[in-house]
């Protein structure tokens, strides 16, 4: 995705052959959850909030152990292929405002979701430019505190540093 100045549509998909300024490149990540009730009430209905973090509406008790973004190729002098980029990644929980001032360090999201996943959508942004204009891809790894691991790799994107 790329950040635009359009108020009605602040994010646009990047065309496969398109180029985007590195400062406007965003990775939007969404996942779905399925809740399963452990018990039924006396009327035979299942109570979906049974396993939630207190007070009962704060997401499942399975939380986030860690989340990291890795470089699919050499990114800049400090980050080579396979390196974890978390120290230069900023995150924003999905909202309808895409202000650059609303991005936080990735550690904030991890802390907020330790006891249970509360935010199933977020946007990642890189805080440092790549070494040069070129194609880059990134792998996102999402590890739950029950040991489940989810990995997704972005499509290569042409980032401009000019």
Protein backbone atom coordinates (compact mmCIF):
# COMPACT_ATOMS: atom_id res chain seq x y z
CA UNK A 1 0.00 0.00 0.00
CA UNK A 2 1.09 3.56 -0.42
CA UNK A 3 0.09 6.62 1.55
CA UNK A 4 -1.63 9.30 -0.53
CA UNK A 5 -2.87 12.77 0.26
CA UNK A 6 -6.45 11.87 -0.72
CA UNK A 7 -8.69 12.32 2.33
CA UNK A 8 -11.35 9.88 1.08
CA UNK A 9 -8.88 7.16 0.13
CA UNK A 10 -5.62 7.62 2.04
CA UNK A 11 -4.22 4.22 0.99
CA UNK A 12 -3.84 2.91 -2.53
CA UNK A 13 -2.60 -0.50 -3.62
CA UNK A 14 0.72 -0.45 -5.43
CA UNK A 15 0.60 -1.79 -8.98
CA UNK A 16 2.85 -4.77 -9.58
CA UNK A 17 5.03 -2.72 -11.93
CA UNK A 18 4.63 0.50 -9.94
CA UNK A 19 7.19 2.48 -7.97
CA UNK A 20 6.55 4.11 -4.60
CA UNK A 21 8.63 6.48 -2.49
CA UNK A 22 10.00 4.48 0.45
CA UNK A 23 8.48 7.03 2.88
CA UNK A 24 4.99 6.28 1.54
CA UNK A 25 5.33 2.49 1.52
CA UNK A 26 3.07 0.77 4.05
CA UNK A 27 2.46 -2.91 4.73
CA UNK A 28 -1.13 -3.52 5.77
CA UNK A 29 -1.65 -6.79 7.61
CA UNK A 30 -5.01 -8.28 8.50
CA UNK A 31 -6.00 -11.67 9.77
CA UNK A 32 -9.22 -13.30 10.85
CA UNK A 33 -9.96 -15.16 14.02
CA UNK A 34 -12.46 -17.87 14.77
CA UNK A 35 -13.87 -18.16 18.24
CA UNK A 36 -15.01 -21.50 19.60
CA UNK A 37 -17.13 -21.77 22.71
CA UNK A 38 -16.08 -24.32 25.34
CA UNK A 39 -19.50 -24.66 26.94
CA UNK A 40 -23.17 -24.14 26.26
CA UNK A 41 -25.60 -22.26 28.46
CA UNK A 42 -28.76 -23.91 29.77
CA UNK A 43 -30.62 -22.97 26.57
CA UNK A 44 -28.10 -24.78 24.35
CA UNK A 45 -26.45 -21.59 23.08
CA UNK A 46 -22.68 -21.35 23.06
CA UNK A 47 -21.08 -18.47 24.94
CA UNK A 48 -18.43 -16.98 22.66
CA UNK A 49 -16.76 -14.85 25.34
CA UNK A 50 -15.89 -17.80 27.58
CA UNK A 51 -12.11 -17.73 26.93
CA UNK A 52 -11.57 -13.99 26.65
CA UNK A 53 -9.15 -11.78 28.53
CA UNK A 54 -10.94 -10.00 31.38
CA UNK A 55 -13.35 -8.20 31.40
CA UNK A 56 -14.57 -10.55 28.65
CA UNK A 57 -14.47 -8.45 25.50
CA UNK A 58 -10.73 -8.01 25.07
CA UNK A 59 -9.88 -10.85 22.69
CA UNK A 60 -8.75 -14.42 23.17
CA UNK A 61 -6.38 -15.40 25.97
CA UNK A 62 -3.88 -16.65 23.41
CA UNK A 63 -1.58 -13.67 23.04
CA UNK A 64 1.33 -12.53 20.98
CA UNK A 65 4.82 -13.71 21.83
CA UNK A 66 6.56 -11.65 19.16
CA UNK A 67 6.21 -10.11 15.73
CA UNK A 68 9.03 -9.27 13.40
CA UNK A 69 9.74 -8.08 9.90
CA UNK A 70 12.78 -9.40 8.04
CA UNK A 71 14.50 -8.14 4.90
CA UNK A 72 14.23 -10.34 1.81
CA UNK A 73 17.39 -8.75 0.42
CA UNK A 74 20.05 -6.31 1.58
CA UNK A 75 18.05 -3.26 2.70
CA UNK A 76 20.72 -0.74 3.69
CA UNK A 77 24.21 -0.71 5.24
CA UNK A 78 22.82 -1.72 8.65
CA UNK A 79 20.34 -4.41 7.51
CA UNK A 80 21.30 -7.28 5.24
CA UNK A 81 19.18 -10.05 3.75
CA UNK A 82 17.46 -12.03 6.52
CA UNK A 83 18.04 -9.39 9.19
CA UNK A 84 15.21 -8.45 11.52
CA UNK A 85 14.10 -4.87 10.86
CA UNK A 86 12.10 -4.33 14.08
CA UNK A 87 14.34 -1.50 15.26
CA UNK A 88 13.33 0.57 12.21
CA UNK A 89 9.71 -0.61 11.91
CA UNK A 90 6.83 1.52 13.14
CA UNK A 91 3.31 0.17 13.60
CA UNK A 92 -0.20 1.56 13.70
CA UNK A 93 -3.32 -0.32 14.70
CA UNK A 94 -5.82 -0.07 11.90
CA UNK A 95 -7.72 3.20 12.05
CA UNK A 96 -9.24 5.51 9.50
CA UNK A 97 -6.58 8.13 10.09
CA UNK A 98 -3.15 7.60 8.62
CA UNK A 99 -1.20 10.32 10.31
CA UNK A 100 2.54 9.81 10.40
CA UNK A 101 2.50 10.88 14.05
CA UNK A 102 0.27 7.95 15.01
CA UNK A 103 2.85 5.22 14.35
CA UNK A 104 4.53 3.58 17.36
CA UNK A 105 7.51 1.28 17.84
CA UNK A 106 6.61 -2.34 17.10
CA UNK A 107 7.26 -3.17 20.79
CA UNK A 108 4.11 -1.18 21.69
CA UNK A 109 1.88 -3.51 19.63
CA UNK A 110 3.60 -6.59 21.08
CA UNK A 111 3.06 -5.35 24.65
CA UNK A 112 -0.59 -4.46 24.00
CA UNK A 113 -1.31 -7.94 22.61
CA UNK A 114 0.73 -10.12 25.05
CA UNK A 115 -2.24 -11.37 27.10
CA UNK A 116 -4.61 -11.70 24.16
CA UNK A 117 -4.85 -10.57 20.55
CA UNK A 118 -6.77 -7.32 20.67
CA UNK A 119 -5.75 -5.87 17.32
CA UNK A 120 -6.09 -8.13 14.28
CA UNK A 121 -5.23 -5.40 11.79
CA UNK A 122 -2.20 -3.17 11.62
CA UNK A 123 0.01 -1.19 9.29
CA UNK A 124 3.81 -1.34 9.25
CA UNK A 125 6.06 1.48 8.09
CA UNK A 126 9.84 1.61 7.70
CA UNK A 127 11.61 4.48 9.46
CA UNK A 128 14.83 4.33 7.39
CA UNK A 129 15.31 4.33 3.62
CA UNK A 130 16.81 1.49 1.61
CA UNK A 131 20.34 1.90 0.32
CA UNK A 132 19.12 2.58 -3.23
CA UNK A 133 16.08 2.55 -5.48
CA UNK A 134 15.16 -1.04 -6.29
CA UNK A 135 12.88 -4.00 -5.61
CA UNK A 136 12.41 -5.13 -2.02
CA UNK A 137 10.33 -7.82 -0.30
CA UNK A 138 9.76 -8.44 3.40
CA UNK A 139 8.69 -11.39 5.53
CA UNK A 140 6.34 -10.86 8.46
CA UNK A 141 6.47 -13.46 11.23
CA UNK A 142 3.73 -13.50 13.88
CA UNK A 143 4.35 -15.88 16.81
CA UNK A 144 1.62 -16.58 19.36
CA UNK A 145 2.37 -17.44 22.98
CA UNK A 146 0.95 -20.94 22.39
CA UNK A 147 3.75 -21.64 19.90
CA UNK A 148 1.78 -21.15 16.66
CA UNK A 149 3.81 -19.34 14.00
CA UNK A 150 2.41 -17.47 11.00
CA UNK A 151 4.64 -16.12 8.24
CA UNK A 152 3.77 -14.11 5.18
CA UNK A 153 6.02 -12.57 2.54
CA UNK A 154 5.13 -9.37 0.72
CA UNK A 155 5.22 -9.17 -3.04
CA UNK A 156 8.39 -7.45 -4.26
CA UNK A 157 7.88 -3.71 -4.50
CA UNK A 158 9.99 -1.04 -6.19
CA UNK A 159 10.97 1.53 -3.58
CA UNK A 160 12.36 4.89 -4.60
CA UNK A 161 14.84 6.80 -2.45
CA UNK A 162 14.85 9.99 -4.53
